[in-house]
PDB file of N, CA and C in Angstrom:
ATOM      1  N   MET A   1     -10.779   1.841   7.109  1.00  0.00           N
ATOM      2  CA  MET A   1     -10.599   2.937   6.195  1.00  0.00           C
ATOM      3  C   MET A   1      -9.105   3.093   5.896  1.00  0.00           C
ATOM      4  N   THR A   2      -8.770   3.285   4.635  1.00  0.00           N
ATOM      5  CA  THR A   2      -7.399   3.506   4.192  1.00  0.00           C
ATOM      6  C   THR A   2      -7.188   4.991   3.948  1.00  0.00           C
ATOM      7  N   THR A   3      -6.048   5.494   4.385  1.00  0.00           N
ATOM      8  CA  THR A   3      -5.718   6.900   4.173  1.00  0.00           C
ATOM      9  C   THR A   3      -4.507   6.991   3.263  1.00  0.00           C
ATOM     10  N   GLU A   4      -4.633   7.778   2.207  1.00  0.00           N
ATOM     11  CA  GLU A   4      -3.519   8.008   1.296  1.00  0.00           C
ATOM     12  C   GLU A   4      -3.250   9.502   1.221  1.00  0.00           C
ATOM     13  N   LEU A   5      -1.992   9.863   1.045  1.00  0.00           N
ATOM     14  CA  LEU A   5      -1.582  11.260   0.992  1.00  0.00           C
ATOM     15  C   LEU A   5      -0.783  11.468  -0.291  1.00  0.00           C
ATOM     16  N   PHE A   6      -1.153  12.516  -1.047  1.00  0.00           N
ATOM     17  CA  PHE A   6      -0.504  12.796  -2.323  1.00  0.00           C
ATOM     18  C   PHE A   6       0.011  14.221  -2.357  1.00  0.00           C
ATOM     19  N   LEU A   7       1.162  14.419  -2.980  1.00  0.00           N
ATOM     20  CA  LEU A   7       1.654  15.757  -3.266  1.00  0.00           C
ATOM     21  C   LEU A   7       0.872  16.310  -4.448  1.00  0.00           C
ATOM     22  N   ALA A   8       0.963  17.603  -4.650  1.00  0.00           N
ATOM     23  CA  ALA A   8       0.198  18.267  -5.710  1.00  0.00           C
ATOM     24  C   ALA A   8       0.477  17.659  -7.082  1.00  0.00           C
ATOM     25  N   LYS A   9       1.695  17.237  -7.336  1.00  0.00           N
ATOM     26  CA  LYS A   9       2.047  16.684  -8.648  1.00  0.00           C
ATOM     27  C   LYS A   9       1.683  15.210  -8.776  1.00  0.00           C
ATOM     28  N   GLY A  10       1.040  14.653  -7.751  1.00  0.00           N
ATOM     29  CA  GLY A  10       0.551  13.281  -7.835  1.00  0.00           C
ATOM     30  C   GLY A  10       1.414  12.229  -7.165  1.00  0.00           C
ATOM     31  N   ALA A  11       2.598  12.598  -6.672  1.00  0.00           N
ATOM     32  CA  ALA A  11       3.451  11.624  -5.990  1.00  0.00           C
ATOM     33  C   ALA A  11       2.790  11.191  -4.686  1.00  0.00           C
ATOM     34  N   LYS A  12       2.792   9.900  -4.440  1.00  0.00           N
ATOM     35  CA  LYS A  12       2.145   9.358  -3.253  1.00  0.00           C
ATOM     36  C   LYS A  12       3.128   9.317  -2.086  1.00  0.00           C
ATOM     37  N   LEU A  13       2.662   9.745  -0.912  1.00  0.00           N
ATOM     38  CA  LEU A  13       3.438   9.648   0.321  1.00  0.00           C
ATOM     39  C   LEU A  13       2.847   8.520   1.157  1.00  0.00           C
ATOM     40  N   GLY A  14       3.707   7.638   1.639  1.00  0.00           N
ATOM     41  CA  GLY A  14       3.230   6.566   2.505  1.00  0.00           C
ATOM     42  C   GLY A  14       2.832   7.118   3.866  1.00  0.00           C
ATOM     43  N   VAL A  15       1.690   6.685   4.358  1.00  0.00           N
ATOM     44  CA  VAL A  15       1.226   7.093   5.687  1.00  0.00           C
ATOM     45  C   VAL A  15       1.421   5.915   6.634  1.00  0.00           C
ATOM     46  N   PHE A  16       2.243   6.123   7.681  1.00  0.00           N
ATOM     47  CA  PHE A  16       2.515   5.065   8.642  1.00  0.00           C
ATOM     48  C   PHE A  16       1.447   4.972   9.712  1.00  0.00           C
ATOM     49  N   ASP A  17       0.982   6.126  10.159  1.00  0.00           N
ATOM     50  CA  ASP A  17       0.085   6.137  11.306  1.00  0.00           C
ATOM     51  C   ASP A  17      -0.592   7.495  11.415  1.00  0.00           C
ATOM     52  N   ALA A  18      -1.545   7.601  12.313  1.00  0.00           N
ATOM     53  CA  ALA A  18      -2.187   8.868  12.665  1.00  0.00           C
ATOM     54  C   ALA A  18      -2.112   8.998  14.176  1.00  0.00           C
ATOM     55  N   THR A  19      -1.930  10.218  14.647  1.00  0.00           N
ATOM     56  CA  THR A  19      -1.822  10.432  16.086  1.00  0.00           C
ATOM     57  C   THR A  19      -2.271  11.842  16.431  1.00  0.00           C
ATOM     58  N   ARG A  20      -2.490  12.082  17.693  1.00  0.00           N
ATOM     59  CA  ARG A  20      -2.792  13.422  18.180  1.00  0.00           C
ATOM     60  C   ARG A  20      -1.511  13.982  18.779  1.00  0.00           C
ATOM     61  N   LEU A  21      -1.066  15.106  18.243  1.00  0.00           N
ATOM     62  CA  LEU A  21       0.163  15.755  18.681  1.00  0.00           C
ATOM     63  C   LEU A  21      -0.193  16.911  19.609  1.00  0.00           C
ATOM     64  N   HIS A  22       0.316  16.886  20.832  1.00  0.00           N
ATOM     65  CA  HIS A  22       0.090  17.958  21.804  1.00  0.00           C
ATOM     66  C   HIS A  22       1.323  18.852  21.822  1.00  0.00           C
ATOM     67  N   PHE A  23       1.114  20.159  21.831  1.00  0.00           N
ATOM     68  CA  PHE A  23       2.221  21.099  21.843  1.00  0.00           C
ATOM     69  C   PHE A  23       1.772  22.397  22.504  1.00  0.00           C
ATOM     70  N   GLU A  24       2.735  23.274  22.783  1.00  0.00           N
ATOM     71  CA  GLU A  24       2.445  24.583  23.376  1.00  0.00           C
ATOM     72  C   GLU A  24       3.028  25.682  22.507  1.00  0.00           C
ATOM     73  N   ILE A  25       2.286  26.755  22.396  1.00  0.00           N
ATOM     74  CA  ILE A  25       2.769  27.965  21.743  1.00  0.00           C
ATOM     75  C   ILE A  25       2.580  29.099  22.738  1.00  0.00           C
ATOM     76  N   LYS A  26       3.682  29.709  23.140  1.00  0.00           N
ATOM     77  CA  LYS A  26       3.678  30.796  24.136  1.00  0.00           C
ATOM     78  C   LYS A  26       2.874  30.407  25.371  1.00  0.00           C
ATOM     79  N   GLY A  27       3.045  29.169  25.832  1.00  0.00           N
ATOM     80  CA  GLY A  27       2.390  28.697  27.044  1.00  0.00           C
ATOM     81  C   GLY A  27       0.957  28.214  26.863  1.00  0.00           C
ATOM     82  N   ARG A  28       0.390  28.383  25.681  1.00  0.00           N
ATOM     83  CA  ARG A  28      -0.991  27.935  25.431  1.00  0.00           C
ATOM     84  C   ARG A  28      -0.958  26.525  24.858  1.00  0.00           C
ATOM     85  N   LYS A  29      -1.652  25.607  25.544  1.00  0.00           N
ATOM     86  CA  LYS A  29      -1.677  24.211  25.106  1.00  0.00           C
ATOM     87  C   LYS A  29      -2.594  24.053  23.902  1.00  0.00           C
ATOM     88  N   MET A  30      -2.105  23.297  22.931  1.00  0.00           N
ATOM     89  CA  MET A  30      -2.848  23.045  21.699  1.00  0.00           C
ATOM     90  C   MET A  30      -2.630  21.603  21.291  1.00  0.00           C
ATOM     91  N   PHE A  31      -3.411  21.175  20.318  1.00  0.00           N
ATOM     92  CA  PHE A  31      -3.200  19.851  19.749  1.00  0.00           C
ATOM     93  C   PHE A  31      -3.608  19.868  18.290  1.00  0.00           C
ATOM     94  N   ALA A  32      -3.099  18.881  17.567  1.00  0.00           N
ATOM     95  CA  ALA A  32      -3.474  18.696  16.164  1.00  0.00           C
ATOM     96  C   ALA A  32      -3.495  17.202  15.894  1.00  0.00           C
ATOM     97  N   ASP A  33      -4.494  16.746  15.179  1.00  0.00           N
ATOM     98  CA  ASP A  33      -4.531  15.370  14.713  1.00  0.00           C
ATOM     99  C   ASP A  33      -3.719  15.314  13.434  1.00  0.00           C
ATOM    100  N   VAL A  34      -2.672  14.489  13.425  1.00  0.00           N
ATOM    101  CA  VAL A  34      -1.719  14.493  12.326  1.00  0.00           C
ATOM    102  C   VAL A  34      -1.522  13.095  11.756  1.00  0.00           C
ATOM    103  N   LEU A  35      -1.028  13.067  10.526  1.00  0.00           N
ATOM    104  CA  LEU A  35      -0.617  11.828   9.884  1.00  0.00           C
ATOM    105  C   LEU A  35       0.896  11.752   9.948  1.00  0.00           C
ATOM    106  N   VAL A  36       1.435  10.549  10.081  1.00  0.00           N
ATOM    107  CA  VAL A  36       2.876  10.337  10.174  1.00  0.00           C
ATOM    108  C   VAL A  36       3.338   9.661   8.887  1.00  0.00           C
ATOM    109  N   SER A  37       4.329  10.284   8.239  1.00  0.00           N
ATOM    110  CA  SER A  37       4.844   9.766   6.971  1.00  0.00           C
ATOM    111  C   SER A  37       6.363   9.825   6.985  1.00  0.00           C
ATOM    112  N   GLY A  38       6.988   8.832   6.395  1.00  0.00           N
ATOM    113  CA  GLY A  38       8.444   8.819   6.284  1.00  0.00           C
ATOM    114  C   GLY A  38       8.951   9.854   5.288  1.00  0.00           C
ATOM    115  N   GLY A  39       8.083  10.348   4.411  1.00  0.00           N
ATOM    116  CA  GLY A  39       8.478  11.307   3.401  1.00  0.00           C
ATOM    117  C   GLY A  39       8.381  12.751   3.842  1.00  0.00           C
ATOM    118  N   VAL A  40       7.947  12.994   5.076  1.00  0.00           N
ATOM    119  CA  VAL A  40       7.768  14.362   5.575  1.00  0.00           C
ATOM    120  C   VAL A  40       8.426  14.456   6.946  1.00  0.00           C
ATOM    121  N   ASP A  41       9.282  15.462   7.135  1.00  0.00           N
ATOM    122  CA  ASP A  41       9.944  15.608   8.431  1.00  0.00           C
ATOM    123  C   ASP A  41       9.610  16.933   9.108  1.00  0.00           C
ATOM    124  N   GLU A  42       8.529  17.581   8.645  1.00  0.00           N
ATOM    125  CA  GLU A  42       8.082  18.828   9.244  1.00  0.00           C
ATOM    126  C   GLU A  42       6.594  18.719   9.555  1.00  0.00           C
ATOM    127  N   LEU A  43       6.122  19.602  10.404  1.00  0.00           N
ATOM    128  CA  LEU A  43       4.710  19.640  10.757  1.00  0.00           C
ATOM    129  C   LEU A  43       3.950  20.497   9.758  1.00  0.00           C
ATOM    130  N   PHE A  44       2.903  19.953   9.186  1.00  0.00           N
ATOM    131  CA  PHE A  44       2.000  20.688   8.315  1.00  0.00           C
ATOM    132  C   PHE A  44       0.667  20.805   9.033  1.00  0.00           C
ATOM    133  N   LEU A  45       0.243  22.019   9.298  1.00  0.00           N
ATOM    134  CA  LEU A  45      -1.074  22.232   9.892  1.00  0.00           C
ATOM    135  C   LEU A  45      -2.032  22.502   8.743  1.00  0.00           C
ATOM    136  N   GLY A  46      -3.042  21.669   8.630  1.00  0.00           N
ATOM    137  CA  GLY A  46      -3.950  21.729   7.500  1.00  0.00           C
ATOM    138  C   GLY A  46      -4.982  22.836   7.603  1.00  0.00           C
ATOM    139  N   TYR A  47      -5.690  23.010   6.514  1.00  0.00           N
ATOM    140  CA  TYR A  47      -6.727  24.034   6.419  1.00  0.00           C
ATOM    141  C   TYR A  47      -7.757  23.890   7.533  1.00  0.00           C
ATOM    142  N   ASP A  48      -8.169  22.659   7.809  1.00  0.00           N
ATOM    143  CA  ASP A  48      -9.176  22.457   8.865  1.00  0.00           C
ATOM    144  C   ASP A  48      -8.663  22.912  10.222  1.00  0.00           C
ATOM    145  N   TRP A  49      -7.391  22.658  10.547  1.00  0.00           N
ATOM    146  CA  TRP A  49      -6.815  23.102  11.822  1.00  0.00           C
ATOM    147  C   TRP A  49      -6.740  24.628  11.854  1.00  0.00           C
ATOM    148  N   LEU A  50      -6.316  25.232  10.755  1.00  0.00           N
ATOM    149  CA  LEU A  50      -6.216  26.695  10.689  1.00  0.00           C
ATOM    150  C   LEU A  50      -7.582  27.343  10.904  1.00  0.00           C
ATOM    151  N   VAL A  51      -8.616  26.781  10.311  1.00  0.00           N
ATOM    152  CA  VAL A  51      -9.974  27.318  10.477  1.00  0.00           C
ATOM    153  C   VAL A  51     -10.465  27.103  11.906  1.00  0.00           C
ATOM    154  N   GLN A  52     -10.310  25.891  12.432  1.00  0.00           N
ATOM    155  CA  GLN A  52     -10.779  25.581  13.789  1.00  0.00           C
ATOM    156  C   GLN A  52     -10.098  26.441  14.846  1.00  0.00           C
ATOM    157  N   ASN A  53      -8.884  26.887  14.566  1.00  0.00           N
ATOM    158  CA  ASN A  53      -8.131  27.690  15.531  1.00  0.00           C
ATOM    159  C   ASN A  53      -8.093  29.168  15.158  1.00  0.00           C
ATOM    160  N   ASN A  54      -9.016  29.580  14.291  1.00  0.00           N
ATOM    161  CA  ASN A  54      -9.181  30.991  13.920  1.00  0.00           C
ATOM    162  C   ASN A  54      -7.858  31.667  13.560  1.00  0.00           C
ATOM    163  N   CYS A  55      -7.085  31.015  12.708  1.00  0.00           N
ATOM    164  CA  CYS A  55      -5.766  31.538  12.366  1.00  0.00           C
ATOM    165  C   CYS A  55      -5.849  32.653  11.336  1.00  0.00           C
ATOM    166  N   GLU A  56      -5.005  33.653  11.549  1.00  0.00           N
ATOM    167  CA  GLU A  56      -4.856  34.776  10.626  1.00  0.00           C
ATOM    168  C   GLU A  56      -3.368  35.033  10.456  1.00  0.00           C
ATOM    169  N   TRP A  57      -2.933  35.084   9.221  1.00  0.00           N
ATOM    170  CA  TRP A  57      -1.536  35.420   8.953  1.00  0.00           C
ATOM    171  C   TRP A  57      -1.510  36.886   8.561  1.00  0.00           C
ATOM    172  N   ILE A  58      -0.821  37.707   9.358  1.00  0.00           N
ATOM    173  CA  ILE A  58      -0.754  39.145   9.135  1.00  0.00           C
ATOM    174  C   ILE A  58       0.647  39.456   8.625  1.00  0.00           C
ATOM    175  N   PHE A  59       0.777  39.442   7.324  1.00  0.00           N
ATOM    176  CA  PHE A  59       2.090  39.592   6.702  1.00  0.00           C
ATOM    177  C   PHE A  59       2.743  40.919   7.045  1.00  0.00           C
ATOM    178  N   SER A  60       1.972  42.009   7.081  1.00  0.00           N
ATOM    179  CA  SER A  60       2.550  43.330   7.333  1.00  0.00           C
ATOM    180  C   SER A  60       3.142  43.448   8.737  1.00  0.00           C
ATOM    181  N   LYS A  61       2.674  42.626   9.660  1.00  0.00           N
ATOM    182  CA  LYS A  61       3.204  42.645  11.036  1.00  0.00           C
ATOM    183  C   LYS A  61       4.091  41.441  11.337  1.00  0.00           C
ATOM    184  N   ARG A  62       4.342  40.627  10.300  1.00  0.00           N
ATOM    185  CA  ARG A  62       5.156  39.424  10.472  1.00  0.00           C
ATOM    186  C   ARG A  62       4.667  38.587  11.649  1.00  0.00           C
ATOM    187  N   SER A  63       3.364  38.366  11.662  1.00  0.00           N
ATOM    188  CA  SER A  63       2.802  37.610  12.771  1.00  0.00           C
ATOM    189  C   SER A  63       1.679  36.693  12.300  1.00  0.00           C
ATOM    190  N   ILE A  64       1.399  35.739  13.145  1.00  0.00           N
ATOM    191  CA  ILE A  64       0.289  34.819  12.943  1.00  0.00           C
ATOM    192  C   ILE A  64      -0.557  34.864  14.206  1.00  0.00           C
ATOM    193  N   LYS A  65      -1.864  35.018  14.059  1.00  0.00           N
ATOM    194  CA  LYS A  65      -2.774  34.950  15.199  1.00  0.00           C
ATOM    195  C   LYS A  65      -3.406  33.571  15.221  1.00  0.00           C
ATOM    196  N   ILE A  66      -3.347  32.945  16.380  1.00  0.00           N
ATOM    197  CA  ILE A  66      -3.941  31.629  16.580  1.00  0.00           C
ATOM    198  C   ILE A  66      -4.884  31.756  17.761  1.00  0.00           C
ATOM    199  N   ASN A  67      -6.183  31.707  17.496  1.00  0.00           N
ATOM    200  CA  ASN A  67      -7.192  31.931  18.544  1.00  0.00           C
ATOM    201  C   ASN A  67      -6.903  33.207  19.329  1.00  0.00           C
ATOM    202  N   GLY A  68      -6.541  34.267  18.635  1.00  0.00           N
ATOM    203  CA  GLY A  68      -6.282  35.556  19.270  1.00  0.00           C
ATOM    204  C   GLY A  68      -4.885  35.729  19.823  1.00  0.00           C
ATOM    205  N   LEU A  69      -4.112  34.661  19.897  1.00  0.00           N
ATOM    206  CA  LEU A  69      -2.741  34.725  20.395  1.00  0.00           C
ATOM    207  C   LEU A  69      -1.820  35.143  19.257  1.00  0.00           C
ATOM    208  N   CYS A  70      -1.142  36.259  19.426  1.00  0.00           N
ATOM    209  CA  CYS A  70      -0.272  36.784  18.374  1.00  0.00           C
ATOM    210  C   CYS A  70       1.123  36.179  18.525  1.00  0.00           C
ATOM    211  N   VAL A  71       1.589  35.548  17.472  1.00  0.00           N
ATOM    212  CA  VAL A  71       2.914  34.932  17.452  1.00  0.00           C
ATOM    213  C   VAL A  71       3.726  35.636  16.371  1.00  0.00           C
ATOM    214  N   TYR A  72       4.792  36.282  16.781  1.00  0.00           N
ATOM    215  CA  TYR A  72       5.645  36.987  15.828  1.00  0.00           C
ATOM    216  C   TYR A  72       6.657  36.022  15.242  1.00  0.00           C
ATOM    217  N   VAL A  73       6.929  36.183  13.964  1.00  0.00           N
ATOM    218  CA  VAL A  73       7.905  35.323  13.292  1.00  0.00           C
ATOM    219  C   VAL A  73       9.029  36.186  12.754  1.00  0.00           C
ATOM    220  N   GLU A  74      10.221  35.672  12.857  1.00  0.00           N
ATOM    221  CA  GLU A  74      11.405  36.354  12.340  1.00  0.00           C
ATOM    222  C   GLU A  74      11.704  35.785  10.974  1.00  0.00           C
ATOM    223  N   SER A  75      11.834  36.645   9.989  1.00  0.00           N
ATOM    224  CA  SER A  75      12.070  36.157   8.631  1.00  0.00           C
ATOM    225  C   SER A  75      13.383  35.385   8.526  1.00  0.00           C
ATOM    226  N   SER A  76      14.370  35.735   9.342  1.00  0.00           N
ATOM    227  CA  SER A  76      15.643  35.022   9.280  1.00  0.00           C
ATOM    228  C   SER A  76      15.555  33.637   9.902  1.00  0.00           C
ATOM    229  N   CYS A  77      14.511  33.397  10.698  1.00  0.00           N
ATOM    230  CA  CYS A  77      14.376  32.108  11.376  1.00  0.00           C
ATOM    231  C   CYS A  77      13.342  31.199  10.721  1.00  0.00           C
ATOM    232  N   VAL A  78      12.590  31.732   9.800  1.00  0.00           N
ATOM    233  CA  VAL A  78      11.485  30.976   9.226  1.00  0.00           C
ATOM    234  C   VAL A  78      11.805  30.571   7.803  1.00  0.00           C
ATOM    235  N   LYS A  79      11.688  29.294   7.555  1.00  0.00           N
ATOM    236  CA  LYS A  79      11.823  28.784   6.198  1.00  0.00           C
ATOM    237  C   LYS A  79      10.403  28.561   5.699  1.00  0.00           C
ATOM    238  N   LEU A  80       9.965  29.369   4.775  1.00  0.00           N
ATOM    239  CA  LEU A  80       8.597  29.290   4.292  1.00  0.00           C
ATOM    240  C   LEU A  80       8.537  28.340   3.113  1.00  0.00           C
ATOM    241  N   LEU A  81       7.787  27.282   3.290  1.00  0.00           N
ATOM    242  CA  LEU A  81       7.575  26.314   2.226  1.00  0.00           C
ATOM    243  C   LEU A  81       6.082  26.167   2.018  1.00  0.00           C
ATOM    244  N   LEU A  82       5.664  26.269   0.801  1.00  0.00           N
ATOM    245  CA  LEU A  82       4.258  26.104   0.501  1.00  0.00           C
ATOM    246  C   LEU A  82       4.074  24.787  -0.227  1.00  0.00           C
ATOM    247  N   TYR A  83       3.247  23.953   0.336  1.00  0.00           N
ATOM    248  CA  TYR A  83       2.948  22.663  -0.245  1.00  0.00           C
ATOM    249  C   TYR A  83       1.446  22.533  -0.409  1.00  0.00           C
ATOM    250  N   ARG A  84       1.055  21.793  -1.387  1.00  0.00           N
ATOM    251  CA  ARG A  84      -0.342  21.426  -1.505  1.00  0.00           C
ATOM    252  C   ARG A  84      -0.390  19.918  -1.422  1.00  0.00           C
ATOM    253  N   LEU A  85      -1.038  19.424  -0.399  1.00  0.00           N
ATOM    254  CA  LEU A  85      -1.194  17.991  -0.201  1.00  0.00           C
ATOM    255  C   LEU A  85      -2.651  17.629  -0.402  1.00  0.00           C
ATOM    256  N   ARG A  86      -2.892  16.451  -0.921  1.00  0.00           N
ATOM    257  CA  ARG A  86      -4.251  15.978  -1.111  1.00  0.00           C
ATOM    258  C   ARG A  86      -4.407  14.695  -0.314  1.00  0.00           C
ATOM    259  N   LEU A  87      -5.427  14.658   0.523  1.00  0.00           N
ATOM    260  CA  LEU A  87      -5.691  13.498   1.374  1.00  0.00           C
ATOM    261  C   LEU A  87      -6.862  12.733   0.783  1.00  0.00           C
ATOM    262  N   VAL A  88      -6.687  11.425   0.647  1.00  0.00           N
ATOM    263  CA  VAL A  88      -7.742  10.569   0.110  1.00  0.00           C
ATOM    264  C   VAL A  88      -8.010   9.463   1.129  1.00  0.00           C
ATOM    265  N   ARG A  89      -9.257   9.357   1.536  1.00  0.00           N
ATOM    266  CA  ARG A  89      -9.670   8.266   2.440  1.00  0.00           C
ATOM    267  C   ARG A  89     -10.640   7.379   1.697  1.00  0.00           C
ATOM    268  N   THR A  90     -10.328   6.084   1.682  1.00  0.00           N
ATOM    269  CA  THR A  90     -11.214   5.132   0.989  1.00  0.00           C
ATOM    270  C   THR A  90     -11.661   4.034   1.920  1.00  0.00           C
TER     271      THR A  90
END
């Protein structure tokens, strides 16, 4: 199976590999299955990960809930970028 990744405007991003990334948030162990691309240097958690981990973004409290774990974000520390990526598997 071939995996291709496209930006919203149609530009293609090369996918080098796929891997499972393990990380911790406030001591809680988590993982995400991710694609590795030379054109992206940040972590994008996709819609499926957000749903599977019961994520809620509570803008009025400047927090994100991940499986009930409340994570506060500081506006001065967070660079908010909104991207729409399209994944195609053939």
